[in-house]
Amino acid sequence: MTGQFGNKNKAWSARFSEPVSDLVKRYTASVDFDQRLAEVDIRGSLAHAAMLAATGILSESDLASIQRGFTTIREEIAAGRFEWSLDLEDVHLNIEKRLTELVGDAGKRLHTARSRNDQVATDIRLWLRDATDEILTLLRALQEALLALAEQHADTIMPGFTHLQVAQPVTFGHHLLAYVEMLSRDAGRLADTRRRINRLPLGAAALAGTTFPIDREHVARTLGFDGVCENSLDAVSDRDFAIEFCADASLLMMHLSRFSEELVNWMSPRVGFIDLSDRYCTGSSIMPQKKNPDVPELVRGKTGRVYGHLMALLTLMKGQPLAYNKDNQEDKEPLFDTVDTLVATLRLFADMTTGIQVRAERMRQAAAEGFSTATDLADYLVKRGLPFRDAHELVAQAVREASDAGVDLAGLGRERLKALSPLVGDDVLETLTLEGSVNARNHIGGTAPAQVRAAIARHRARLASA
């Protein structure tokens, strides 16, 4: 049987003398997962049809029929009544077949001047553009939650760490703002990637363009693209934008994983800096006392999943000659899952952040351990004329003495500290307080509470203008 949907309903069946085997159909079909592109496929098809009518390639009556048919198809999909067929391979042929059933020859004319190659490339870009916009909104919500928590704890002192050793006192608000900075870079990367996503492939047809007098810019304007892909071979075969998105997503998940690691550590009874709301934790099947931070632990785990999708897409593309190849069918599941994982993670993280209960006294106790103000004493001496390396050596001696005596540096007492150097004055103990330490770092990027509040204001102004 010949015709557009002849042998086994294939759009290309007339070329073949025997039907595709059921095994091949199952192996090559994508409709089970690409049907989620249905809405953007319809949007793209409507824009294409409107352009064909505007250029005289399609009659106004055919355009009206196509528009009417897509209204019905949208209703059927929304109601769950649309019948998806494995025989029709993918979302595009399923929708086109149903359109033809509804409106006859007008449905068959819709595919004039396009191919599934440029059609799917357009669909993916439309879908990913919408997903990127949603993710940027969720990123903003998470930043706002972190800023609110940072504002509450602009004065809350905690230990800062290097090598997981107590280093210097910081404020919890300052610590949280480090993640706001990371998320700001993530948002910038995604916004930049969105500009490269937002180019229209439609009109490239299979690989070489079309002989019909189409108006690609018309379609681009209708669909909200910034412009068109300017080389037909690249337009149908490019998946850089998907790889770039997955790279951005990997960095974002890495940042959330780092924060998750801290939440898990901070929640440990041995640390006890925070507690998480019960709705984000689970118990143990055997140990009744347990409260496990499952959500941040899963964020760490799902980060590897997203990394894997990035590597899958890079590997998918590395050996492909121009132009389109069937390999590219494998771009969708990694991309879809990356978006799904990122959206779910960001939604959970923003809400989880609002439920962080801070144990400020335990943070303060920890900051007082480990001689965290030792650098302040060295800076004190340098400001009085002692070379830094000499000050460093002198303070190291004081730390050894304090450690042997089982006290902090202030516990050595003013007189003992004055005996270390004639440069030590009566005000030395003020330098060694936790408040004195954090307040002394009163510059842009410093941990002083005044600087934390100023940074929060800058971030909020940036978010308001975005």
Protein backbone atom coordinates (compact mmCIF):
# COMPACT_ATOMS: atom_id res chain seq x y z
CA MET A 1 0.00 0.00 0.00
CA THR A 2 1.28 3.46 -0.84
CA GLY A 3 0.42 6.93 0.39
CA GLN A 4 1.51 9.09 3.26
CA PHE A 5 0.26 6.76 5.96
CA GLY A 6 0.31 3.57 3.97
CA ASN A 7 2.25 0.49 5.00
CA LYS A 8 1.91 0.25 8.78
CA ASN A 9 0.99 3.96 8.88
CA LYS A 10 4.55 5.07 8.12
CA ALA A 11 5.00 8.52 6.57
CA TRP A 12 7.84 7.14 4.46
CA SER A 13 6.43 3.67 3.71
CA ALA A 14 6.13 3.90 -0.09
CA ARG A 15 9.89 3.44 -0.49
CA PHE A 16 9.86 0.03 1.23
CA SER A 17 8.67 -3.37 0.03
CA GLU A 18 8.14 -4.97 3.45
CA PRO A 19 6.97 -3.68 6.81
CA VAL A 20 9.29 -2.86 9.66
CA SER A 21 9.52 -5.68 12.18
CA ASP A 22 7.85 -5.30 15.54
CA LEU A 23 11.26 -5.57 17.22
CA VAL A 24 12.60 -2.65 15.18
CA LYS A 25 9.46 -0.62 15.85
CA ARG A 26 9.85 -1.02 19.58
CA TYR A 27 13.56 -0.25 19.40
CA THR A 28 13.30 2.86 17.25
CA ALA A 29 10.06 4.40 18.50
CA SER A 30 10.25 7.44 20.75
CA VAL A 31 6.59 8.19 21.34
CA ASP A 32 6.65 6.76 24.85
CA PHE A 33 8.85 9.63 26.00
CA ASP A 34 8.63 12.37 23.36
CA GLN A 35 4.87 12.75 23.66
CA ARG A 36 5.64 15.34 26.33
CA LEU A 37 6.63 17.57 23.41
CA ALA A 38 3.04 17.55 22.14
CA GLU A 39 2.16 21.11 23.15
CA VAL A 40 5.29 22.67 21.67
CA ASP A 41 4.88 20.51 18.56
CA ILE A 42 1.41 21.95 18.09
CA ARG A 43 2.66 25.50 18.70
CA GLY A 44 5.39 25.03 16.12
CA SER A 45 2.99 23.51 13.61
CA LEU A 46 0.49 26.34 14.02
CA ALA A 47 3.22 28.93 13.45
CA HIS A 48 4.45 26.99 10.40
CA ALA A 49 0.91 26.78 9.00
CA ALA A 50 0.33 30.50 9.53
CA MET A 51 3.55 31.27 7.65
CA LEU A 52 2.59 28.93 4.79
CA ALA A 53 -0.73 30.77 4.49
CA ALA A 54 0.93 34.20 4.71
CA THR A 55 3.29 33.29 1.84
CA GLY A 56 0.51 31.78 -0.30
CA ILE A 57 1.80 28.22 -0.02
CA LEU A 58 -1.27 27.17 1.95
CA SER A 59 -4.84 28.40 1.46
CA GLU A 60 -6.66 30.32 4.16
CA SER A 61 -9.32 27.61 4.29
CA ASP A 62 -6.65 24.95 4.89
CA LEU A 63 -5.17 27.13 7.65
CA ALA A 64 -8.56 27.46 9.31
CA SER A 65 -9.05 23.69 9.13
CA ILE A 66 -5.62 23.04 10.63
CA GLN A 67 -6.27 25.49 13.45
CA ARG A 68 -9.63 23.87 14.15
CA GLY A 69 -8.08 20.41 14.14
CA PHE A 70 -5.35 21.39 16.58
CA THR A 71 -7.96 22.80 18.95
CA THR A 72 -9.57 19.36 19.06
CA ILE A 73 -6.22 17.59 19.47
CA ARG A 74 -5.25 19.84 22.37
CA GLU A 75 -8.56 19.05 24.05
CA GLU A 76 -8.07 15.33 23.52
CA ILE A 77 -4.53 15.38 24.95
CA ALA A 78 -5.61 17.45 27.96
CA ALA A 79 -8.47 15.06 28.68
CA GLY A 80 -6.28 11.97 28.24
CA ARG A 81 -8.33 10.77 25.27
CA PHE A 82 -5.61 11.05 22.63
CA GLU A 83 -4.55 7.63 21.38
CA TRP A 84 -0.78 7.35 21.05
CA SER A 85 0.41 4.69 18.60
CA LEU A 86 3.77 2.95 18.63
CA ASP A 87 3.33 2.28 14.90
CA LEU A 88 3.56 6.04 14.31
CA GLU A 89 7.00 6.21 15.94
CA ASP A 90 6.97 9.64 17.51
CA VAL A 91 4.94 12.58 18.74
CA HIS A 92 5.09 14.33 15.37
CA LEU A 93 3.57 11.56 13.28
CA ASN A 94 0.98 10.72 15.92
CA ILE A 95 -0.27 14.30 15.93
CA GLU A 96 -0.10 14.66 12.14
CA LYS A 97 -2.06 11.42 11.64
CA ARG A 98 -4.78 12.58 14.02
CA LEU A 99 -4.91 15.99 12.33
CA THR A 100 -5.37 14.33 8.96
CA GLU A 101 -8.19 12.20 10.37
CA LEU A 102 -9.89 15.36 11.62
CA VAL A 103 -9.40 17.76 8.68
CA GLY A 104 -8.44 15.61 5.71
CA ASP A 105 -6.11 16.93 3.01
CA ALA A 106 -5.37 20.14 4.91
CA GLY A 107 -3.60 17.99 7.51
CA LYS A 108 -1.53 16.36 4.78
CA ARG A 109 -0.46 19.76 3.44
CA LEU A 110 0.87 20.94 6.82
CA HIS A 111 4.22 19.21 6.36
CA THR A 112 4.98 21.21 3.22
CA ALA A 113 8.42 22.90 3.41
CA ARG A 114 9.54 21.16 6.57
CA SER A 115 10.99 17.84 7.78
CA ARG A 116 10.81 16.00 11.04
CA ASN A 117 14.50 16.95 11.36
CA ASP A 118 13.88 20.69 11.68
CA GLN A 119 10.54 20.05 13.37
CA VAL A 120 12.01 18.11 16.28
CA ALA A 121 14.92 20.54 16.62
CA THR A 122 12.38 23.35 16.93
CA ASP A 123 10.26 21.42 19.43
CA ILE A 124 13.20 20.70 21.70
CA ARG A 125 14.28 24.33 21.68
CA LEU A 126 10.76 25.52 22.47
CA TRP A 127 10.41 22.99 25.27
CA LEU A 128 13.83 23.71 26.75
CA ARG A 129 13.27 27.46 26.56
CA ASP A 130 10.10 27.08 28.65
CA ALA A 131 11.90 24.76 31.07
CA THR A 132 14.79 27.21 31.43
CA ASP A 133 12.36 30.01 32.27
CA GLU A 134 10.77 27.85 34.96
CA ILE A 135 14.16 26.94 36.41
CA LEU A 136 15.23 30.58 36.51
CA THR A 137 12.06 31.39 38.45
CA LEU A 138 12.76 28.55 40.90
CA LEU A 139 16.37 29.69 41.27
CA ARG A 140 15.14 33.14 42.20
CA ALA A 141 12.80 31.68 44.83
CA LEU A 142 15.67 29.73 46.38
CA GLN A 143 17.89 32.79 46.46
CA GLU A 144 15.12 34.77 48.14
CA ALA A 145 14.71 32.04 50.78
CA LEU A 146 18.44 32.06 51.46
CA LEU A 147 18.49 35.85 51.69
CA ALA A 148 15.66 35.80 54.22
CA LEU A 149 17.52 33.27 56.36
CA ALA A 150 20.78 35.18 56.00
CA GLU A 151 19.08 38.36 57.16
CA GLN A 152 17.81 36.60 60.28
CA HIS A 153 21.34 35.44 61.05
CA ALA A 154 23.51 38.35 59.95
CA ASP A 155 24.91 38.49 63.51
CA THR A 156 24.93 34.76 64.28
CA ILE A 157 28.54 33.68 64.70
CA MET A 158 29.77 30.29 63.55
CA PRO A 159 33.18 28.85 62.74
CA GLY A 160 34.50 29.17 59.23
CA PHE A 161 36.48 26.16 58.05
CA THR A 162 39.34 25.29 55.78
CA HIS A 163 40.35 21.62 55.46
CA LEU A 164 37.35 21.00 57.79
CA GLN A 165 39.43 22.58 60.55
CA VAL A 166 38.22 25.63 62.47
CA ALA A 167 39.77 28.63 60.70
CA GLN A 168 38.17 31.98 61.58
CA PRO A 169 34.83 33.18 62.90
CA VAL A 170 32.22 34.11 60.31
CA THR A 171 28.52 34.81 60.52
CA PHE A 172 25.95 32.28 59.41
CA GLY A 173 24.41 34.97 57.20
CA HIS A 174 27.75 35.43 55.45
CA HIS A 175 28.06 31.66 54.97
CA LEU A 176 24.61 31.49 53.36
CA LEU A 177 25.45 34.36 51.03
CA ALA A 178 28.24 32.25 49.55
CA TYR A 179 25.53 29.98 48.13
CA VAL A 180 23.52 32.96 46.94
CA GLU A 181 26.61 34.01 44.96
CA MET A 182 26.91 30.53 43.45
CA LEU A 183 23.24 30.50 42.48
CA SER A 184 23.63 33.96 40.94
CA ARG A 185 26.33 32.61 38.66
CA ASP A 186 24.09 29.64 37.84
CA ALA A 187 21.26 31.99 36.90
CA GLY A 188 23.62 34.01 34.72
CA ARG A 189 24.84 30.91 32.90
CA LEU A 190 21.28 29.69 32.29
CA ALA A 191 20.17 33.10 31.02
CA ASP A 192 23.14 33.13 28.66
CA THR A 193 22.40 29.60 27.46
CA ARG A 194 18.77 30.59 26.88
CA ARG A 195 19.92 33.11 24.28
CA ARG A 196 21.57 30.31 22.32
CA ILE A 197 18.55 28.05 22.75
CA ASN A 198 16.31 30.76 21.33
CA ARG A 199 17.19 30.40 17.63
CA LEU A 200 14.73 28.87 15.15
CA PRO A 201 15.77 25.75 13.16
CA LEU A 202 12.45 25.42 11.30
CA GLY A 203 12.90 26.06 7.61
CA ALA A 204 16.10 24.06 7.38
CA ALA A 205 13.89 21.13 6.34
CA ALA A 206 15.76 17.81 6.18
CA LEU A 207 19.22 19.39 5.86
CA ALA A 208 19.44 21.71 2.83
CA GLY A 209 16.52 24.09 3.15
CA THR A 210 13.44 24.05 0.93
CA THR A 211 12.45 25.10 -2.59
CA PHE A 212 9.31 26.81 -1.29
CA PRO A 213 9.31 30.62 -0.74
CA ILE A 214 9.07 30.43 3.04
CA ASP A 215 9.49 33.26 5.53
CA ARG A 216 11.52 31.89 8.42
CA GLU A 217 11.63 35.21 10.24
CA HIS A 218 7.82 35.20 10.30
CA VAL A 219 7.85 31.90 12.17
CA ALA A 220 10.61 33.11 14.49
CA ARG A 221 8.58 36.18 15.45
CA THR A 222 5.44 34.12 15.98
CA LEU A 223 7.20 31.69 18.31
CA GLY A 224 9.22 34.33 20.14
CA PHE A 225 12.64 33.31 18.85
CA ASP A 226 15.39 35.92 18.72
CA GLY A 227 16.37 34.86 15.21
CA VAL A 228 16.91 31.88 12.94
CA CYS A 229 19.68 29.30 12.72
CA GLU A 230 21.61 30.50 9.69
CA ASN A 231 23.01 27.23 8.34
CA SER A 232 20.57 24.47 7.45
CA LEU A 233 23.02 21.62 8.14
CA ASP A 234 23.85 22.95 11.58
CA ALA A 235 20.22 23.83 12.32
CA VAL A 236 19.00 20.23 12.17
CA SER A 237 22.05 18.55 13.72
CA ASP A 238 23.06 20.97 16.49
CA ARG A 239 22.50 19.89 20.07
CA ASP A 240 25.07 22.22 21.63
CA PHE A 241 22.29 24.08 23.38
CA ALA A 242 21.13 20.90 25.13
CA ILE A 243 24.68 20.01 26.16
CA GLU A 244 25.26 23.54 27.40
CA PHE A 245 22.06 23.41 29.43
CA CYS A 246 23.12 20.11 30.99
CA ALA A 247 26.53 21.60 31.81
CA ASP A 248 24.79 24.52 33.53
CA ALA A 249 22.53 22.07 35.34
CA SER A 250 25.54 20.05 36.48
CA LEU A 251 27.16 23.12 38.00
CA LEU A 252 23.93 24.09 39.69
CA MET A 253 23.45 20.60 41.11
CA MET A 254 27.07 20.63 42.28
CA HIS A 255 26.38 23.79 44.27
CA LEU A 256 23.23 22.30 45.78
CA SER A 257 25.15 19.12 46.57
CA ARG A 258 27.81 21.10 48.45
CA PHE A 259 25.13 22.83 50.47
CA SER A 260 23.46 19.48 51.08
CA GLU A 261 26.71 18.05 52.40
CA GLU A 262 26.90 20.92 54.87
CA LEU A 263 23.30 20.46 55.95
CA VAL A 264 23.92 16.77 56.59
CA ASN A 265 27.04 17.55 58.62
CA TRP A 266 25.46 20.43 60.51
CA MET A 267 22.48 18.27 61.45
CA SER A 268 24.68 15.53 62.93
CA PRO A 269 24.40 15.45 66.74
CA ARG A 270 28.20 15.67 66.86
CA VAL A 271 27.95 19.10 65.22
CA GLY A 272 24.41 20.21 66.04
CA PHE A 273 24.41 23.53 64.18
CA ILE A 274 20.93 23.11 62.68
CA ASP A 275 17.86 20.96 62.58
CA LEU A 276 15.65 20.32 59.56
CA SER A 277 11.87 20.22 59.58
CA ASP A 278 10.49 16.75 60.08
CA ARG A 279 8.81 16.83 56.66
CA TYR A 280 12.25 16.63 55.03
CA CYS A 281 13.54 13.75 57.13
CA THR A 282 12.75 10.10 57.73
CA GLY A 283 13.25 7.67 60.57
CA SER A 284 14.93 4.30 60.79
CA SER A 285 13.21 0.94 60.50
CA ILE A 286 15.23 -0.36 63.45
CA MET A 287 16.62 2.62 65.42
CA PRO A 288 13.76 4.69 66.86
CA GLN A 289 15.95 7.67 67.75
CA LYS A 290 17.06 8.37 64.17
CA LYS A 291 16.12 11.45 62.16
CA ASN A 292 17.74 11.08 58.75
CA PRO A 293 18.24 14.06 56.38
CA ASP A 294 17.03 12.15 53.34
CA VAL A 295 16.34 15.11 51.07
CA PRO A 296 19.84 16.64 51.14
CA GLU A 297 21.32 13.16 50.88
CA LEU A 298 19.25 12.50 47.75
CA VAL A 299 20.30 15.84 46.29
CA ARG A 300 23.90 14.66 46.58
CA GLY A 301 22.96 11.40 44.88
CA LYS A 302 20.91 12.96 42.09
CA THR A 303 23.81 15.28 41.26
CA GLY A 304 25.65 12.26 39.86
CA ARG A 305 22.60 11.45 37.78
CA VAL A 306 22.72 14.89 36.15
CA TYR A 307 26.47 14.60 35.56
CA GLY A 308 25.77 11.31 33.79
CA HIS A 309 23.27 12.94 31.45
CA LEU A 310 25.83 15.58 30.48
CA MET A 311 28.36 12.89 29.65
CA ALA A 312 25.72 10.92 27.73
CA LEU A 313 24.94 13.89 25.49
CA LEU A 314 28.60 14.68 24.88
CA THR A 315 29.22 11.06 23.95
CA LEU A 316 26.08 11.00 21.78
CA MET A 317 27.32 13.86 19.63
CA LYS A 318 31.06 13.28 19.45
CA GLY A 319 31.08 10.91 16.45
CA GLN A 320 28.20 12.22 14.35
CA PRO A 321 28.84 13.44 10.81
CA LEU A 322 26.60 16.16 9.40
CA ALA A 323 23.68 16.40 9.26
CA TYR A 324 20.88 14.68 11.20
CA ASN A 325 21.32 11.09 12.41
CA LYS A 326 18.96 8.75 14.25
CA ASP A 327 21.40 8.89 17.18
CA ASN A 328 19.83 12.21 18.06
CA GLN A 329 16.68 10.49 19.19
CA GLU A 330 18.72 9.68 22.30
CA ASP A 331 19.04 13.36 23.23
CA LYS A 332 15.58 13.62 24.77
CA GLU A 333 15.54 11.28 27.75
CA PRO A 334 18.76 12.66 29.30
CA LEU A 335 17.55 16.21 28.72
CA PHE A 336 14.05 15.53 30.04
CA ASP A 337 15.38 13.83 33.16
CA THR A 338 17.88 16.62 33.79
CA VAL A 339 15.09 19.19 33.72
CA ASP A 340 12.80 17.05 35.88
CA THR A 341 15.54 16.48 38.45
CA LEU A 342 16.51 20.14 38.58
CA VAL A 343 12.94 21.41 38.88
CA ALA A 344 12.08 18.97 41.68
CA THR A 345 15.33 19.69 43.52
CA LEU A 346 14.95 23.46 43.40
CA ARG A 347 11.34 23.33 44.58
CA LEU A 348 12.24 21.13 47.53
CA PHE A 349 15.36 23.09 48.40
CA ALA A 350 13.59 26.45 48.61
CA ASP A 351 10.95 25.08 50.96
CA MET A 352 13.51 23.11 52.98
CA THR A 353 15.53 26.30 53.47
CA THR A 354 12.56 27.98 55.14
CA GLY A 355 12.46 25.10 57.62
CA ILE A 356 16.10 25.28 58.75
CA GLN A 357 16.20 25.75 62.51
CA VAL A 358 19.46 27.35 63.58
CA ARG A 359 21.12 26.46 66.89
CA ALA A 360 22.99 29.70 67.33
CA GLU A 361 24.51 28.91 70.73
CA ARG A 362 26.06 25.68 69.47
CA MET A 363 27.49 27.55 66.48
CA ARG A 364 29.00 30.12 68.82
CA GLN A 365 30.52 27.46 71.05
CA ALA A 366 32.13 25.82 68.04
CA ALA A 367 33.51 29.16 66.82
CA ALA A 368 35.20 29.62 70.20
CA GLU A 369 37.04 26.34 69.74
CA GLY A 370 40.19 25.83 67.70
CA PHE A 371 41.77 29.24 68.35
CA SER A 372 39.72 30.83 65.58
CA THR A 373 40.89 34.35 66.47
CA ALA A 374 44.60 33.56 66.08
CA THR A 375 44.79 35.47 62.79
CA ASP A 376 43.22 38.47 64.50
CA LEU A 377 46.05 38.50 67.02
CA ALA A 378 48.61 38.31 64.19
CA ASP A 379 46.87 41.18 62.37
CA TYR A 380 46.86 43.16 65.63
CA LEU A 381 50.64 42.85 65.87
CA VAL A 382 51.19 43.66 62.20
CA LYS A 383 49.18 46.86 62.56
CA ARG A 384 51.62 47.82 65.32
CA GLY A 385 54.66 47.37 63.11
CA LEU A 386 55.66 43.70 63.42
CA PRO A 387 56.36 41.94 60.08
CA PHE A 388 53.65 39.42 59.31
CA ARG A 389 55.91 36.36 59.32
CA ASP A 390 57.25 37.33 62.74
CA ALA A 391 53.72 37.91 63.98
CA HIS A 392 52.68 34.53 62.60
CA GLU A 393 55.49 32.80 64.51
CA LEU A 394 54.74 34.63 67.73
CA VAL A 395 51.03 33.80 67.61
CA ALA A 396 51.82 30.15 66.84
CA GLN A 397 53.85 30.11 70.08
CA ALA A 398 50.90 31.62 71.95
CA VAL A 399 48.57 28.96 70.50
CA ARG A 400 50.89 26.20 71.71
CA GLU A 401 50.91 27.67 75.19
CA ALA A 402 47.13 28.06 75.25
CA SER A 403 46.66 24.53 73.96
CA ASP A 404 48.95 23.13 76.65
CA ALA A 405 47.05 25.10 79.28
CA GLY A 406 43.67 24.00 77.94
CA VAL A 407 42.41 27.54 77.34
CA ASP A 408 41.74 29.77 74.35
CA LEU A 409 44.02 32.66 73.47
CA ALA A 410 42.11 35.12 75.60
CA GLY A 411 42.44 32.65 78.46
CA LEU A 412 46.19 33.27 78.56
CA GLY A 413 45.35 36.64 80.06
CA ARG A 414 46.37 40.14 79.16
CA GLU A 415 49.68 40.06 81.04
CA ARG A 416 50.90 36.83 79.47
CA LEU A 417 50.02 38.12 76.01
CA LYS A 418 51.81 41.39 76.71
CA ALA A 419 54.86 39.39 77.71
CA LEU A 420 55.01 37.87 74.23
CA SER A 421 55.74 41.23 72.63
CA PRO A 422 56.10 44.82 73.75
CA LEU A 423 53.67 45.70 70.94
CA VAL A 424 50.75 44.06 72.78
CA GLY A 425 48.64 46.67 74.53
CA ASP A 426 45.84 46.70 77.06
CA ASP A 427 43.21 46.44 74.29
CA VAL A 428 44.42 43.05 73.05
CA LEU A 429 41.56 41.04 74.58
CA GLU A 430 38.99 43.04 72.60
CA THR A 431 40.69 41.80 69.43
CA LEU A 432 40.29 38.20 70.53
CA THR A 433 36.49 38.25 70.97
CA LEU A 434 34.30 36.59 68.33
CA GLU A 435 32.37 39.81 67.78
CA GLY A 436 35.59 41.77 67.46
CA SER A 437 36.85 39.32 64.87
CA VAL A 438 33.81 39.39 62.58
CA ASN A 439 33.20 43.13 62.97
CA ALA A 440 36.81 43.88 62.02
CA ARG A 441 36.24 42.44 58.54
CA ASN A 442 34.10 45.38 57.51
CA HIS A 443 34.65 45.60 53.75
CA ILE A 444 32.83 44.38 50.64
CA GLY A 445 32.92 40.60 50.76
CA GLY A 446 33.77 40.52 54.46
CA THR A 447 31.83 38.74 57.18
CA ALA A 448 31.00 41.80 59.32
CA PRO A 449 27.24 41.92 60.00
CA ALA A 450 27.03 45.37 58.41
CA GLN A 451 28.56 43.97 55.23
CA VAL A 452 26.24 40.96 55.29
CA ARG A 453 23.21 43.26 55.41
CA ALA A 454 24.64 45.42 52.63
CA ALA A 455 25.23 42.32 50.47
CA ILE A 456 21.66 41.16 51.09
CA ALA A 457 20.39 44.54 49.91
CA ARG A 458 22.52 44.31 46.75
CA HIS A 459 21.26 40.83 45.96
CA ARG A 460 17.64 41.86 46.46
CA ALA A 461 18.10 44.86 44.18
CA ARG A 462 19.62 42.57 41.55
CA LEU A 463 16.73 40.12 41.78
CA ALA A 464 14.19 42.93 41.60
CA SER A 465 15.74 44.26 38.40
CA ALA A 466 16.20 40.87 36.72
